[in-house]
PDB file of all heavy atoms in Angstrom:
ATOM      1  N   ARG A   1       6.420 -10.915  12.400  1.00  0.00           N
ATOM      2  CA  ARG A   1       5.538 -10.529  13.505  1.00  0.00           C
ATOM      3  C   ARG A   1       4.401  -9.636  13.002  1.00  0.00           C
ATOM      4  O   ARG A   1       3.281  -9.703  13.525  1.00  0.00           O
ATOM      5  CB  ARG A   1       6.356  -9.819  14.593  1.00  0.00           C
ATOM      6  CG  ARG A   1       7.234 -10.763  15.399  1.00  0.00           C
ATOM      7  CD  ARG A   1       7.810 -10.090  16.629  1.00  0.00           C
ATOM      8  NE  ARG A   1       8.828  -9.115  16.290  1.00  0.00           N
ATOM      9  CZ  ARG A   1      10.112  -9.390  16.120  1.00  0.00           C
ATOM     10  NH1 ARG A   1      10.532 -10.641  16.220  1.00  0.00           N
ATOM     11  NH2 ARG A   1      10.989  -8.442  15.837  1.00  0.00           N
ATOM     12  N   ILE A   2       4.680  -8.800  12.021  1.00  0.00           N
ATOM     13  CA  ILE A   2       3.626  -7.950  11.454  1.00  0.00           C
ATOM     14  C   ILE A   2       2.552  -8.817  10.807  1.00  0.00           C
ATOM     15  O   ILE A   2       1.351  -8.594  10.997  1.00  0.00           O
ATOM     16  CB  ILE A   2       4.215  -6.956  10.434  1.00  0.00           C
ATOM     17  CG1 ILE A   2       5.056  -5.892  11.156  1.00  0.00           C
ATOM     18  CG2 ILE A   2       3.102  -6.287   9.628  1.00  0.00           C
ATOM     19  CD1 ILE A   2       5.766  -4.939  10.214  1.00  0.00           C
ATOM     20  N   LEU A   3       2.974  -9.816  10.035  1.00  0.00           N
ATOM     21  CA  LEU A   3       2.012 -10.703   9.379  1.00  0.00           C
ATOM     22  C   LEU A   3       1.152 -11.431  10.407  1.00  0.00           C
ATOM     23  O   LEU A   3      -0.068 -11.575  10.222  1.00  0.00           O
ATOM     24  CB  LEU A   3       2.741 -11.710   8.495  1.00  0.00           C
ATOM     25  CG  LEU A   3       3.418 -11.168   7.228  1.00  0.00           C
ATOM     26  CD1 LEU A   3       4.073 -12.303   6.452  1.00  0.00           C
ATOM     27  CD2 LEU A   3       2.412 -10.433   6.342  1.00  0.00           C
ATOM     28  N   ALA A   4       1.781 -11.902  11.478  1.00  0.00           N
ATOM     29  CA  ALA A   4       1.030 -12.604  12.521  1.00  0.00           C
ATOM     30  C   ALA A   4       0.037 -11.662  13.199  1.00  0.00           C
ATOM     31  O   ALA A   4      -1.111 -12.048  13.481  1.00  0.00           O
ATOM     32  CB  ALA A   4       1.989 -13.198  13.553  1.00  0.00           C
ATOM     33  N   ALA A   5       0.459 -10.431  13.448  1.00  0.00           N
ATOM     34  CA  ALA A   5      -0.428  -9.449  14.087  1.00  0.00           C
ATOM     35  C   ALA A   5      -1.566  -9.054  13.155  1.00  0.00           C
ATOM     36  O   ALA A   5      -2.707  -8.851  13.596  1.00  0.00           O
ATOM     37  CB  ALA A   5       0.371  -8.213  14.501  1.00  0.00           C
ATOM     38  N   VAL A   6      -1.271  -8.931  11.871  1.00  0.00           N
ATOM     39  CA  VAL A   6      -2.315  -8.608  10.888  1.00  0.00           C
ATOM     40  C   VAL A   6      -3.362  -9.713  10.867  1.00  0.00           C
ATOM     41  O   VAL A   6      -4.574  -9.450  10.812  1.00  0.00           O
ATOM     42  CB  VAL A   6      -1.692  -8.416   9.486  1.00  0.00           C
ATOM     43  CG1 VAL A   6      -2.771  -8.456   8.406  1.00  0.00           C
ATOM     44  CG2 VAL A   6      -0.952  -7.092   9.417  1.00  0.00           C
ATOM     45  N   ASP A   7      -2.910 -10.964  10.897  1.00  0.00           N
ATOM     46  CA  ASP A   7      -3.831 -12.090  10.902  1.00  0.00           C
ATOM     47  C   ASP A   7      -4.719 -12.057  12.147  1.00  0.00           C
ATOM     48  O   ASP A   7      -5.938 -12.268  12.063  1.00  0.00           O
ATOM     49  CB  ASP A   7      -3.032 -13.398  10.850  1.00  0.00           C
ATOM     50  CG  ASP A   7      -3.938 -14.620  10.800  1.00  0.00           C
ATOM     51  OD1 ASP A   7      -4.555 -14.860   9.749  1.00  0.00           O
ATOM     52  OD2 ASP A   7      -4.027 -15.333  11.812  1.00  0.00           O
ATOM     53  N   ALA A   8      -4.123 -11.766  13.299  1.00  0.00           N
ATOM     54  CA  ALA A   8      -4.894 -11.701  14.544  1.00  0.00           C
ATOM     55  C   ALA A   8      -5.888 -10.550  14.512  1.00  0.00           C
ATOM     56  O   ALA A   8      -7.044 -10.690  14.943  1.00  0.00           O
ATOM     57  CB  ALA A   8      -3.948 -11.554  15.735  1.00  0.00           C
ATOM     58  N   LEU A   9      -5.449  -9.404  13.993  1.00  0.00           N
ATOM     59  CA  LEU A   9      -6.331  -8.238  13.922  1.00  0.00           C
ATOM     60  C   LEU A   9      -7.509  -8.493  12.981  1.00  0.00           C
ATOM     61  O   LEU A   9      -8.644  -8.120  13.271  1.00  0.00           O
ATOM     62  CB  LEU A   9      -5.542  -7.016  13.445  1.00  0.00           C
ATOM     63  CG  LEU A   9      -6.314  -5.689  13.406  1.00  0.00           C
ATOM     64  CD1 LEU A   9      -6.641  -5.238  14.820  1.00  0.00           C
ATOM     65  CD2 LEU A   9      -5.509  -4.616  12.686  1.00  0.00           C
ATOM     66  N   ALA A  10      -7.234  -9.139  11.854  1.00  0.00           N
ATOM     67  CA  ALA A  10      -8.296  -9.446  10.895  1.00  0.00           C
ATOM     68  C   ALA A  10      -9.354 -10.346  11.533  1.00  0.00           C
ATOM     69  O   ALA A  10     -10.557 -10.159  11.302  1.00  0.00           O
ATOM     70  CB  ALA A  10      -7.705 -10.101   9.652  1.00  0.00           C
ATOM     71  N   LYS A  11      -8.925 -11.300  12.319  1.00  0.00           N
ATOM     72  CA  LYS A  11      -9.863 -12.233  12.944  1.00  0.00           C
ATOM     73  C   LYS A  11     -10.699 -11.536  14.008  1.00  0.00           C
ATOM     74  O   LYS A  11     -11.909 -11.771  14.112  1.00  0.00           O
ATOM     75  CB  LYS A  11      -9.104 -13.412  13.551  1.00  0.00           C
ATOM     76  CG  LYS A  11      -8.504 -14.343  12.503  1.00  0.00           C
ATOM     77  CD  LYS A  11      -7.692 -15.457  13.145  1.00  0.00           C
ATOM     78  CE  LYS A  11      -7.102 -16.377  12.075  1.00  0.00           C
ATOM     79  NZ  LYS A  11      -6.242 -17.436  12.649  1.00  0.00           N
ATOM     80  N   THR A  12     -10.082 -10.679  14.811  1.00  0.00           N
ATOM     81  CA  THR A  12     -10.828 -10.014  15.884  1.00  0.00           C
ATOM     82  C   THR A  12     -11.782  -8.957  15.341  1.00  0.00           C
ATOM     83  O   THR A  12     -12.834  -8.716  15.928  1.00  0.00           O
ATOM     84  CB  THR A  12      -9.859  -9.352  16.888  1.00  0.00           C
ATOM     85  OG1 THR A  12      -9.006  -8.432  16.189  1.00  0.00           O
ATOM     86  CG2 THR A  12      -9.020 -10.395  17.587  1.00  0.00           C
ATOM     87  N   GLN A  13     -11.434  -8.341  14.223  1.00  0.00           N
ATOM     88  CA  GLN A  13     -12.279  -7.282  13.662  1.00  0.00           C
ATOM     89  C   GLN A  13     -13.138  -7.759  12.496  1.00  0.00           C
ATOM     90  O   GLN A  13     -13.859  -6.973  11.895  1.00  0.00           O
ATOM     91  CB  GLN A  13     -11.417  -6.093  13.217  1.00  0.00           C
ATOM     92  CG  GLN A  13     -10.698  -5.410  14.367  1.00  0.00           C
ATOM     93  CD  GLN A  13     -10.254  -4.002  14.009  1.00  0.00           C
ATOM     94  OE1 GLN A  13     -10.470  -3.526  12.904  1.00  0.00           O
ATOM     95  NE2 GLN A  13      -9.634  -3.337  14.960  1.00  0.00           N
ATOM     96  N   GLY A  14     -13.046  -9.037  12.164  1.00  0.00           N
ATOM     97  CA  GLY A  14     -13.872  -9.566  11.100  1.00  0.00           C
ATOM     98  C   GLY A  14     -13.524  -9.034   9.721  1.00  0.00           C
ATOM     99  O   GLY A  14     -14.398  -8.819   8.885  1.00  0.00           O
ATOM    100  N   LEU A  15     -12.229  -8.842   9.479  1.00  0.00           N
ATOM    101  CA  LEU A  15     -11.787  -8.318   8.187  1.00  0.00           C
ATOM    102  C   LEU A  15     -11.442  -9.469   7.239  1.00  0.00           C
ATOM    103  O   LEU A  15     -10.848 -10.462   7.644  1.00  0.00           O
ATOM    104  CB  LEU A  15     -10.567  -7.415   8.371  1.00  0.00           C
ATOM    105  CG  LEU A  15     -10.769  -6.186   9.254  1.00  0.00           C
ATOM    106  CD1 LEU A  15      -9.460  -5.424   9.441  1.00  0.00           C
ATOM    107  CD2 LEU A  15     -11.825  -5.262   8.659  1.00  0.00           C
ATOM    108  N   ASP A  16     -11.825  -9.306   5.987  1.00  0.00           N
ATOM    109  CA  ASP A  16     -11.542 -10.326   4.976  1.00  0.00           C
ATOM    110  C   ASP A  16     -10.236 -10.071   4.235  1.00  0.00           C
ATOM    111  O   ASP A  16      -9.641 -10.993   3.679  1.00  0.00           O
ATOM    112  CB  ASP A  16     -12.680 -10.382   3.947  1.00  0.00           C
ATOM    113  CG  ASP A  16     -14.024 -10.660   4.594  1.00  0.00           C
ATOM    114  OD1 ASP A  16     -14.136 -11.698   5.264  1.00  0.00           O
ATOM    115  OD2 ASP A  16     -14.949  -9.847   4.432  1.00  0.00           O
ATOM    116  N   LEU A  17      -9.800  -8.823   4.231  1.00  0.00           N
ATOM    117  CA  LEU A  17      -8.624  -8.449   3.438  1.00  0.00           C
ATOM    118  C   LEU A  17      -7.959  -7.234   4.061  1.00  0.00           C
ATOM    119  O   LEU A  17      -8.635  -6.267   4.425  1.00  0.00           O
ATOM    120  CB  LEU A  17      -9.061  -8.122   2.000  1.00  0.00           C
ATOM    121  CG  LEU A  17      -7.978  -7.714   1.004  1.00  0.00           C
ATOM    122  CD1 LEU A  17      -7.040  -8.883   0.724  1.00  0.00           C
ATOM    123  CD2 LEU A  17      -8.611  -7.220  -0.296  1.00  0.00           C
ATOM    124  N   ILE A  18      -6.627  -7.298   4.206  1.00  0.00           N
ATOM    125  CA  ILE A  18      -5.849  -6.153   4.691  1.00  0.00           C
ATOM    126  C   ILE A  18      -4.729  -5.897   3.698  1.00  0.00           C
ATOM    127  O   ILE A  18      -3.950  -6.796   3.389  1.00  0.00           O
ATOM    128  CB  ILE A  18      -5.282  -6.396   6.105  1.00  0.00           C
ATOM    129  CG1 ILE A  18      -6.424  -6.548   7.118  1.00  0.00           C
ATOM    130  CG2 ILE A  18      -4.371  -5.253   6.515  1.00  0.00           C
ATOM    131  CD1 ILE A  18      -5.955  -6.759   8.545  1.00  0.00           C
ATOM    132  N   LEU A  19      -4.650  -4.661   3.215  1.00  0.00           N
ATOM    133  CA  LEU A  19      -3.665  -4.287   2.208  1.00  0.00           C
ATOM    134  C   LEU A  19      -2.710  -3.242   2.756  1.00  0.00           C
ATOM    135  O   LEU A  19      -3.046  -2.497   3.690  1.00  0.00           O
ATOM    136  CB  LEU A  19      -4.373  -3.691   0.975  1.00  0.00           C
ATOM    137  CG  LEU A  19      -5.398  -4.573   0.255  1.00  0.00           C
ATOM    138  CD1 LEU A  19      -6.130  -3.741  -0.788  1.00  0.00           C
ATOM    139  CD2 LEU A  19      -4.712  -5.756  -0.395  1.00  0.00           C
ATOM    140  N   LEU A  20      -1.514  -3.189   2.159  1.00  0.00           N
ATOM    141  CA  LEU A  20      -0.607  -2.094   2.462  1.00  0.00           C
ATOM    142  C   LEU A  20      -1.133  -0.838   1.793  1.00  0.00           C
ATOM    143  O   LEU A  20      -1.516  -0.852   0.614  1.00  0.00           O
ATOM    144  CB  LEU A  20       0.807  -2.401   1.948  1.00  0.00           C
ATOM    145  CG  LEU A  20       1.634  -3.392   2.772  1.00  0.00           C
ATOM    146  CD1 LEU A  20       2.980  -3.618   2.101  1.00  0.00           C
ATOM    147  CD2 LEU A  20       1.843  -2.885   4.190  1.00  0.00           C
ATOM    148  N   ASP A  21      -1.155   0.240   2.522  1.00  0.00           N
ATOM    149  CA  ASP A  21      -1.661   1.506   1.993  1.00  0.00           C
ATOM    150  C   ASP A  21      -0.574   2.175   1.161  1.00  0.00           C
ATOM    151  O   ASP A  21       0.390   2.720   1.692  1.00  0.00           O
ATOM    152  CB  ASP A  21      -2.081   2.414   3.162  1.00  0.00           C
ATOM    153  CG  ASP A  21      -2.694   3.711   2.688  1.00  0.00           C
ATOM    154  OD1 ASP A  21      -2.889   3.868   1.467  1.00  0.00           O
ATOM    155  OD2 ASP A  21      -2.986   4.575   3.536  1.00  0.00           O
ATOM    156  N   ASP A  22      -0.725   2.138  -0.145  1.00  0.00           N
ATOM    157  CA  ASP A  22       0.271   2.758  -1.020  1.00  0.00           C
ATOM    158  C   ASP A  22      -0.293   3.991  -1.736  1.00  0.00           C
ATOM    159  O   ASP A  22       0.148   4.342  -2.824  1.00  0.00           O
ATOM    160  CB  ASP A  22       0.800   1.746  -2.043  1.00  0.00           C
ATOM    161  CG  ASP A  22      -0.292   1.247  -2.980  1.00  0.00           C
ATOM    162  OD1 ASP A  22      -1.459   1.620  -2.795  1.00  0.00           O
ATOM    163  OD2 ASP A  22       0.025   0.472  -3.900  1.00  0.00           O
ATOM    164  N   ARG A  23      -1.257   4.654  -1.094  1.00  0.00           N
ATOM    165  CA  ARG A  23      -1.849   5.833  -1.722  1.00  0.00           C
ATOM    166  C   ARG A  23      -0.846   6.954  -1.918  1.00  0.00           C
ATOM    167  O   ARG A  23      -1.009   7.809  -2.787  1.00  0.00           O
ATOM    168  CB  ARG A  23      -3.033   6.341  -0.885  1.00  0.00           C
ATOM    169  CG  ARG A  23      -4.265   5.460  -0.950  1.00  0.00           C
ATOM    170  CD  ARG A  23      -5.350   5.958  -0.025  1.00  0.00           C
ATOM    171  NE  ARG A  23      -4.939   5.852   1.370  1.00  0.00           N
ATOM    172  CZ  ARG A  23      -5.648   6.354   2.387  1.00  0.00           C
ATOM    173  NH1 ARG A  23      -6.790   6.970   2.160  1.00  0.00           N
ATOM    174  NH2 ARG A  23      -5.230   6.203   3.630  1.00  0.00           N
ATOM    175  N   SER A  24       0.213   6.949  -1.116  1.00  0.00           N
ATOM    176  CA  SER A  24       1.236   7.989  -1.254  1.00  0.00           C
ATOM    177  C   SER A  24       2.132   7.756  -2.462  1.00  0.00           C
ATOM    178  O   SER A  24       2.897   8.650  -2.854  1.00  0.00           O
ATOM    179  CB  SER A  24       2.098   8.048   0.010  1.00  0.00           C
ATOM    180  OG  SER A  24       2.750   6.802   0.230  1.00  0.00           O
ATOM    181  N   LEU A  25       2.049   6.563  -3.050  1.00  0.00           N
ATOM    182  CA  LEU A  25       2.851   6.266  -4.234  1.00  0.00           C
ATOM    183  C   LEU A  25       2.241   6.974  -5.438  1.00  0.00           C
ATOM    184  O   LEU A  25       1.190   6.578  -5.940  1.00  0.00           O
ATOM    185  CB  LEU A  25       2.895   4.755  -4.483  1.00  0.00           C
ATOM    186  CG  LEU A  25       3.655   4.282  -5.735  1.00  0.00           C
ATOM    187  CD1 LEU A  25       5.116   4.689  -5.662  1.00  0.00           C
ATOM    188  CD2 LEU A  25       3.522   2.773  -5.900  1.00  0.00           C
ATOM    189  N   THR A  26       2.880   8.009  -5.895  1.00  0.00           N
ATOM    190  CA  THR A  26       2.375   8.775  -7.024  1.00  0.00           C
ATOM    191  C   THR A  26       3.527   9.499  -7.693  1.00  0.00           C
ATOM    192  O   THR A  26       4.691   9.342  -7.307  1.00  0.00           O
ATOM    193  CB  THR A  26       1.310   9.787  -6.564  1.00  0.00           C
ATOM    194  OG1 THR A  26       0.750  10.449  -7.709  1.00  0.00           O
ATOM    195  CG2 THR A  26       1.903  10.838  -5.631  1.00  0.00           C
ATOM    196  N   PHE A  27       3.226  10.288  -8.682  1.00  0.00           N
ATOM    197  CA  PHE A  27       4.276  11.007  -9.382  1.00  0.00           C
ATOM    198  C   PHE A  27       4.802  12.156  -8.515  1.00  0.00           C
ATOM    199  O   PHE A  27       4.018  12.817  -7.832  1.00  0.00           O
ATOM    200  CB  PHE A  27       3.743  11.578 -10.698  1.00  0.00           C
ATOM    201  CG  PHE A  27       3.204  10.532 -11.638  1.00  0.00           C
ATOM    202  CD1 PHE A  27       1.850  10.427 -11.890  1.00  0.00           C
ATOM    203  CD2 PHE A  27       4.061   9.638 -12.259  1.00  0.00           C
ATOM    204  CE1 PHE A  27       1.352   9.458 -12.737  1.00  0.00           C
ATOM    205  CE2 PHE A  27       3.581   8.663 -13.116  1.00  0.00           C
ATOM    206  CZ  PHE A  27       2.222   8.576 -13.352  1.00  0.00           C
ATOM    207  N   PRO A  28       6.104  12.387  -8.525  1.00  0.00           N
ATOM    208  CA  PRO A  28       6.644  13.530  -7.784  1.00  0.00           C
ATOM    209  C   PRO A  28       5.982  14.821  -8.259  1.00  0.00           C
ATOM    210  O   PRO A  28       5.704  14.977  -9.450  1.00  0.00           O
ATOM    211  CB  PRO A  28       8.144  13.514  -8.139  1.00  0.00           C
ATOM    212  CG  PRO A  28       8.415  12.102  -8.552  1.00  0.00           C
ATOM    213  CD  PRO A  28       7.154  11.624  -9.209  1.00  0.00           C
ATOM    214  N   PRO A  29       5.694  15.743  -7.353  1.00  0.00           N
ATOM    215  CA  PRO A  29       4.972  16.964  -7.745  1.00  0.00           C
ATOM    216  C   PRO A  29       5.702  17.804  -8.787  1.00  0.00           C
ATOM    217  O   PRO A  29       5.076  18.511  -9.560  1.00  0.00           O
ATOM    218  CB  PRO A  29       4.819  17.719  -6.416  1.00  0.00           C
ATOM    219  CG  PRO A  29       5.866  17.148  -5.509  1.00  0.00           C
ATOM    220  CD  PRO A  29       6.017  15.722  -5.918  1.00  0.00           C
ATOM    221  N   ASP A  30       7.027  17.737  -8.800  1.00  0.00           N
ATOM    222  CA  ASP A  30       7.798  18.548  -9.741  1.00  0.00           C
ATOM    223  C   ASP A  30       8.351  17.727 -10.900  1.00  0.00           C
ATOM    224  O   ASP A  30       9.244  18.172 -11.627  1.00  0.00           O
ATOM    225  CB  ASP A  30       8.948  19.256  -9.018  1.00  0.00           C
ATOM    226  CG  ASP A  30       9.859  18.268  -8.290  1.00  0.00           C
ATOM    227  OD1 ASP A  30       9.447  17.099  -8.136  1.00  0.00           O
ATOM    228  OD2 ASP A  30      10.960  18.671  -7.874  1.00  0.00           O
ATOM    229  N   ALA A  31       7.822  16.483 -11.049  1.00  0.00           N
ATOM    230  CA  ALA A  31       8.337  15.603 -12.099  1.00  0.00           C
ATOM    231  C   ALA A  31       7.890  16.092 -13.474  1.00  0.00           C
ATOM    232  O   ALA A  31       6.723  16.427 -13.683  1.00  0.00           O
ATOM    233  CB  ALA A  31       7.847  14.183 -11.871  1.00  0.00           C
ATOM    234  N   GLN A  32       8.827  16.123 -14.403  1.00  0.00           N
ATOM    235  CA  GLN A  32       8.540  16.535 -15.772  1.00  0.00           C
ATOM    236  C   GLN A  32       9.313  15.639 -16.741  1.00  0.00           C
ATOM    237  O   GLN A  32      10.401  15.164 -16.425  1.00  0.00           O
ATOM    238  CB  GLN A  32       8.922  18.001 -16.007  1.00  0.00           C
ATOM    239  CG  GLN A  32       8.096  18.991 -15.201  1.00  0.00           C
ATOM    240  CD  GLN A  32       8.497  20.422 -15.495  1.00  0.00           C
ATOM    241  OE1 GLN A  32       9.472  20.673 -16.194  1.00  0.00           O
ATOM    242  NE2 GLN A  32       7.746  21.366 -14.955  1.00  0.00           N
ATOM    243  N   ASP A  33       8.706  15.412 -17.894  1.00  0.00           N
ATOM    244  CA  ASP A  33       9.358  14.649 -18.960  1.00  0.00           C
ATOM    245  C   ASP A  33       9.834  13.279 -18.479  1.00  0.00           C
ATOM    246  O   ASP A  33      10.964  12.859 -18.753  1.00  0.00           O
ATOM    247  CB  ASP A  33      10.548  15.438 -19.535  1.00  0.00           C
ATOM    248  CG  ASP A  33      10.137  16.798 -20.068  1.00  0.00           C
ATOM    249  OD1 ASP A  33       9.012  16.903 -20.600  1.00  0.00           O
ATOM    250  OD2 ASP A  33      10.931  17.748 -19.944  1.00  0.00           O
ATOM    251  N   LEU A  34       8.968  12.585 -17.766  1.00  0.00           N
ATOM    252  CA  LEU A  34       9.318  11.247 -17.292  1.00  0.00           C
ATOM    253  C   LEU A  34       9.252  10.257 -18.446  1.00  0.00           C
ATOM    254  O   LEU A  34       8.341  10.320 -19.274  1.00  0.00           O
ATOM    255  CB  LEU A  34       8.357  10.803 -16.184  1.00  0.00           C
ATOM    256  CG  LEU A  34       8.411  11.572 -14.869  1.00  0.00           C
ATOM    257  CD1 LEU A  34       7.344  11.054 -13.922  1.00  0.00           C
ATOM    258  CD2 LEU A  34       9.783  11.445 -14.224  1.00  0.00           C
ATOM    259  N   PRO A  35      10.188   9.312 -18.514  1.00  0.00           N
ATOM    260  CA  PRO A  35      10.126   8.276 -19.548  1.00  0.00           C
ATOM    261  C   PRO A  35       8.868   7.425 -19.393  1.00  0.00           C
ATOM    262  O   PRO A  35       8.332   7.277 -18.292  1.00  0.00           O
ATOM    263  CB  PRO A  35      11.393   7.448 -19.308  1.00  0.00           C
ATOM    264  CG  PRO A  35      12.278   8.316 -18.483  1.00  0.00           C
ATOM    265  CD  PRO A  35      11.380   9.182 -17.663  1.00  0.00           C
ATOM    266  N   GLU A  36       8.421   6.850 -20.486  1.00  0.00           N
ATOM    267  CA  GLU A  36       7.204   6.029 -20.471  1.00  0.00           C
ATOM    268  C   GLU A  36       7.321   4.874 -19.488  1.00  0.00           C
ATOM    269  O   GLU A  36       6.378   4.568 -18.754  1.00  0.00           O
ATOM    270  CB  GLU A  36       6.929   5.499 -21.873  1.00  0.00           C
ATOM    271  CG  GLU A  36       5.681   4.609 -21.949  1.00  0.00           C
ATOM    272  CD  GLU A  36       5.505   3.998 -23.321  1.00  0.00           C
ATOM    273  OE1 GLU A  36       6.437   4.097 -24.148  1.00  0.00           O
ATOM    274  OE2 GLU A  36       4.446   3.415 -23.573  1.00  0.00           O
ATOM    275  N   GLN A  37       8.494   4.230 -19.443  1.00  0.00           N
ATOM    276  CA  GLN A  37       8.679   3.087 -18.559  1.00  0.00           C
ATOM    277  C   GLN A  37       8.537   3.487 -17.096  1.00  0.00           C
ATOM    278  O   GLN A  37       7.940   2.765 -16.293  1.00  0.00           O
ATOM    279  CB  GLN A  37      10.058   2.447 -18.794  1.00  0.00           C
ATOM    280  CG  GLN A  37      10.283   1.145 -18.036  1.00  0.00           C
ATOM    281  CD  GLN A  37       9.299   0.068 -18.454  1.00  0.00           C
ATOM    282  OE1 GLN A  37       9.037  -0.117 -19.636  1.00  0.00           O
ATOM    283  NE2 GLN A  37       8.721  -0.635 -17.489  1.00  0.00           N
ATOM    284  N   THR A  38       9.071   4.647 -16.740  1.00  0.00           N
ATOM    285  CA  THR A  38       8.961   5.131 -15.365  1.00  0.00           C
ATOM    286  C   THR A  38       7.510   5.395 -15.002  1.00  0.00           C
ATOM    287  O   THR A  38       7.044   5.020 -13.915  1.00  0.00           O
ATOM    288  CB  THR A  38       9.782   6.421 -15.187  1.00  0.00           C
ATOM    289  OG1 THR A  38      11.155   6.159 -15.503  1.00  0.00           O
ATOM    290  CG2 THR A  38       9.681   6.931 -13.758  1.00  0.00           C
ATOM    291  N   VAL A  39       6.783   6.022 -15.908  1.00  0.00           N
ATOM    292  CA  VAL A  39       5.368   6.307 -15.674  1.00  0.00           C
ATOM    293  C   VAL A  39       4.587   5.008 -15.508  1.00  0.00           C
ATOM    294  O   VAL A  39       3.779   4.855 -14.586  1.00  0.00           O
ATOM    295  CB  VAL A  39       4.782   7.141 -16.824  1.00  0.00           C
ATOM    296  CG1 VAL A  39       3.266   7.294 -16.660  1.00  0.00           C
ATOM    297  CG2 VAL A  39       5.443   8.506 -16.890  1.00  0.00           C
TER     298      VAL A  39
END
């Protein structure tokens, strides 16, 4: 239902692309000595 609503919203607002907002995805503020793979 979210995908269908996104498609409808894009058409009504003239949007070409809608992305999930992942700006909150970042390193933990207290993270230290993280392995390279995790980074």
